[in-house]
Structure formats: C-alpha cells, structure tokens
C-alpha cells in the first residue's frame, strides 16, 4: 500500500472537521472558523487548535471530545490531540464566505 501524501492527509483531516457541528449553528466548525491550526508531524501525530463561539458555549465540554473522536477515525494518523484556545477570541469575521451565506450574513 502506498504512503498517503501530506496533502491527502490534510484533506482527510479538513473533510473530517467539516463533519463536526456546533449543534446550535447549522454550519460546520471548519467553515465557522473555529479551527485555528491543523498540524501534524512526520510521524503523523495530529494537533488541532480550535476555539468555540463563546466560553459559555453549552457544548464546550463535549464538542472538542467529539472532534477528537472523529479525527481518531482517520487510520493514517498515529495520534490526535485537540486543544481549545481562547486567544484570539472568535468573532463572525472568522467565518468563511460559505458560512456567512448559509447564516444569512451575505
């Protein structure tokens, strides 16, 4: 079996992130701009830095766990760690154009 390229693995990670939703907002966390960093090393250990729309978000405890669980389903990854960060604070300007259209901001 051939080795998966960095680009293919990154695409798998992003596609998986696009299946994760804040249940209160009908747009995935990638398009919402909640994912700040996606990094993996040469051994395919993944580290994702993400935020939430608010520290008071009702899914603050469960959403990062769900994201990590889904990412662990990517068999090419050796390990997965999801960290929640609050700096910079999320705001609507971080949303993609797709998200803004979906939510009626454009």
C-alpha atoms as a PDB file:
ATOM      1  CA  UNK A   1       0.000   0.000   0.000  1.00  0.00           C
ATOM      2  CA  UNK A   2       1.387   3.408  -0.911  1.00  0.00           C
ATOM      3  CA  UNK A   3       2.075   6.094   1.648  1.00  0.00           C
ATOM      4  CA  UNK A   4      -0.520   8.873   1.853  1.00  0.00           C
ATOM      5  CA  UNK A   5       0.863  12.315   0.999  1.00  0.00           C
ATOM      6  CA  UNK A   6       0.846  15.281   3.362  1.00  0.00           C
ATOM      7  CA  UNK A   7      -1.724  16.996   1.134  1.00  0.00           C
ATOM      8  CA  UNK A   8      -4.007  13.947   1.067  1.00  0.00           C
ATOM      9  CA  UNK A   9      -3.811  13.576   4.834  1.00  0.00           C
ATOM     10  CA  UNK A  10      -4.528  17.270   5.353  1.00  0.00           C
ATOM     11  CA  UNK A  11      -7.533  16.976   3.041  1.00  0.00           C
ATOM     12  CA  UNK A  12      -8.825  14.000   5.046  1.00  0.00           C
ATOM     13  CA  UNK A  13      -8.435  15.966   8.273  1.00  0.00           C
ATOM     14  CA  UNK A  14     -10.259  19.012   6.883  1.00  0.00           C
ATOM     15  CA  UNK A  15     -13.042  16.870   5.417  1.00  0.00           C
ATOM     16  CA  UNK A  16     -13.469  15.221   8.810  1.00  0.00           C
ATOM     17  CA  UNK A  17     -13.572  18.618  10.551  1.00  0.00           C
ATOM     18  CA  UNK A  18     -16.325  19.601   8.121  1.00  0.00           C
ATOM     19  CA  UNK A  19     -18.491  16.823   9.610  1.00  0.00           C
ATOM     20  CA  UNK A  20     -18.351  18.451  13.073  1.00  0.00           C
ATOM     21  CA  UNK A  21     -21.059  20.928  14.017  1.00  0.00           C
ATOM     22  CA  UNK A  22     -21.899  23.135  16.932  1.00  0.00           C
ATOM     23  CA  UNK A  23     -25.484  21.876  17.455  1.00  0.00           C
ATOM     24  CA  UNK A  24     -26.811  25.424  17.814  1.00  0.00           C
ATOM     25  CA  UNK A  25     -25.404  26.582  14.456  1.00  0.00           C
ATOM     26  CA  UNK A  26     -26.133  24.737  11.186  1.00  0.00           C
ATOM     27  CA  UNK A  27     -22.604  25.264   9.810  1.00  0.00           C
ATOM     28  CA  UNK A  28     -19.570  23.041  10.369  1.00  0.00           C
ATOM     29  CA  UNK A  29     -16.720  24.133  12.644  1.00  0.00           C
ATOM     30  CA  UNK A  30     -14.275  24.499   9.732  1.00  0.00           C
ATOM     31  CA  UNK A  31     -16.475  26.995   7.849  1.00  0.00           C
ATOM     32  CA  UNK A  32     -17.314  28.786  11.109  1.00  0.00           C
ATOM     33  CA  UNK A  33     -13.611  29.490  11.564  1.00  0.00           C
ATOM     34  CA  UNK A  34     -13.450  27.649  14.883  1.00  0.00           C
ATOM     35  CA  UNK A  35     -10.358  25.693  13.818  1.00  0.00           C
ATOM     36  CA  UNK A  36      -7.240  27.829  14.185  1.00  0.00           C
ATOM     37  CA  UNK A  37      -4.475  25.315  13.448  1.00  0.00           C
ATOM     38  CA  UNK A  38      -4.115  21.835  11.985  1.00  0.00           C
ATOM     39  CA  UNK A  39      -0.584  20.490  12.360  1.00  0.00           C
ATOM     40  CA  UNK A  40       0.911  17.052  12.115  1.00  0.00           C
ATOM     41  CA  UNK A  41       4.490  15.929  12.327  1.00  0.00           C
ATOM     42  CA  UNK A  42       6.433  13.483  10.145  1.00  0.00           C
ATOM     43  CA  UNK A  43       5.156  10.620  12.335  1.00  0.00           C
ATOM     44  CA  UNK A  44       1.554  11.715  11.639  1.00  0.00           C
ATOM     45  CA  UNK A  45       0.750  12.888  15.160  1.00  0.00           C
ATOM     46  CA  UNK A  46      -2.025  15.467  14.718  1.00  0.00           C
ATOM     47  CA  UNK A  47      -2.563  18.532  16.880  1.00  0.00           C
ATOM     48  CA  UNK A  48      -5.610  20.721  16.292  1.00  0.00           C
ATOM     49  CA  UNK A  49      -6.118  24.085  17.968  1.00  0.00           C
ATOM     50  CA  UNK A  50      -9.711  25.211  17.959  1.00  0.00           C
ATOM     51  CA  UNK A  51     -11.987  27.565  19.787  1.00  0.00           C
ATOM     52  CA  UNK A  52     -15.692  27.882  20.449  1.00  0.00           C
ATOM     53  CA  UNK A  53     -18.056  30.728  19.699  1.00  0.00           C
ATOM     54  CA  UNK A  54     -18.110  31.566  23.408  1.00  0.00           C
ATOM     55  CA  UNK A  55     -16.567  30.276  26.640  1.00  0.00           C
ATOM     56  CA  UNK A  56     -20.162  29.822  27.804  1.00  0.00           C
ATOM     57  CA  UNK A  57     -20.967  27.564  24.839  1.00  0.00           C
ATOM     58  CA  UNK A  58     -23.222  24.717  26.033  1.00  0.00           C
ATOM     59  CA  UNK A  59     -21.073  22.165  24.153  1.00  0.00           C
ATOM     60  CA  UNK A  60     -17.749  23.466  25.490  1.00  0.00           C
ATOM     61  CA  UNK A  61     -17.068  20.126  27.172  1.00  0.00           C
ATOM     62  CA  UNK A  62     -18.446  17.776  24.518  1.00  0.00           C
ATOM     63  CA  UNK A  63     -17.636  19.332  21.123  1.00  0.00           C
ATOM     64  CA  UNK A  64     -13.810  19.108  21.379  1.00  0.00           C
ATOM     65  CA  UNK A  65     -14.146  15.486  22.540  1.00  0.00           C
ATOM     66  CA  UNK A  66     -16.412  14.712  19.573  1.00  0.00           C
ATOM     67  CA  UNK A  67     -13.958  16.391  17.182  1.00  0.00           C
ATOM     68  CA  UNK A  68     -11.067  14.354  18.587  1.00  0.00           C
ATOM     69  CA  UNK A  69     -13.069  11.122  18.346  1.00  0.00           C
ATOM     70  CA  UNK A  70     -13.902  11.741  14.690  1.00  0.00           C
ATOM     71  CA  UNK A  71     -10.303  12.613  13.846  1.00  0.00           C
ATOM     72  CA  UNK A  72      -9.084   9.434  15.539  1.00  0.00           C
ATOM     73  CA  UNK A  73     -11.121   7.603  12.901  1.00  0.00           C
ATOM     74  CA  UNK A  74      -8.520   8.600  10.286  1.00  0.00           C
ATOM     75  CA  UNK A  75      -6.440   5.436  10.206  1.00  0.00           C
ATOM     76  CA  UNK A  76      -3.321   7.127   8.801  1.00  0.00           C
ATOM     77  CA  UNK A  77      -2.923   9.272  11.937  1.00  0.00           C
ATOM     78  CA  UNK A  78      -0.778   7.907  14.754  1.00  0.00           C
ATOM     79  CA  UNK A  79      -2.284  10.148  17.442  1.00  0.00           C
ATOM     80  CA  UNK A  80      -4.732  13.038  17.753  1.00  0.00           C
ATOM     81  CA  UNK A  81      -4.847  15.894  20.246  1.00  0.00           C
ATOM     82  CA  UNK A  82      -7.437  18.666  20.195  1.00  0.00           C
ATOM     83  CA  UNK A  83      -6.765  21.783  22.272  1.00  0.00           C
ATOM     84  CA  UNK A  84      -9.289  24.530  22.935  1.00  0.00           C
ATOM     85  CA  UNK A  85      -7.788  28.003  22.899  1.00  0.00           C
ATOM     86  CA  UNK A  86      -9.418  31.356  23.566  1.00  0.00           C
ATOM     87  CA  UNK A  87      -6.850  33.658  22.004  1.00  0.00           C
ATOM     88  CA  UNK A  88      -7.681  35.164  19.655  1.00  0.00           C
ATOM     89  CA  UNK A  89     -11.332  35.246  20.638  1.00  0.00           C
ATOM     90  CA  UNK A  90     -13.641  34.038  17.893  1.00  0.00           C
ATOM     91  CA  UNK A  91     -15.809  36.554  16.066  1.00  0.00           C
ATOM     92  CA  UNK A  92     -18.028  36.470  12.986  1.00  0.00           C
ATOM     93  CA  UNK A  93     -15.264  37.809  10.748  1.00  0.00           C
ATOM     94  CA  UNK A  94     -13.534  34.424  11.083  1.00  0.00           C
ATOM     95  CA  UNK A  95     -16.354  32.664   9.239  1.00  0.00           C
ATOM     96  CA  UNK A  96     -15.846  31.656   5.637  1.00  0.00           C
ATOM     97  CA  UNK A  97     -17.982  33.172   2.916  1.00  0.00           C
ATOM     98  CA  UNK A  98     -19.826  29.828   2.740  1.00  0.00           C
ATOM     99  CA  UNK A  99     -20.771  30.118   6.425  1.00  0.00           C
ATOM    100  CA  UNK A 100     -21.808  33.762   6.080  1.00  0.00           C
ATOM    101  CA  UNK A 101     -24.091  32.918   3.158  1.00  0.00           C
ATOM    102  CA  UNK A 102     -25.540  29.902   4.988  1.00  0.00           C
ATOM    103  CA  UNK A 103     -26.302  32.029   8.061  1.00  0.00           C
ATOM    104  CA  UNK A 104     -27.684  34.952   6.054  1.00  0.00           C
ATOM    105  CA  UNK A 105     -24.861  37.427   6.724  1.00  0.00           C
ATOM    106  CA  UNK A 106     -24.219  37.939   2.989  1.00  0.00           C
END
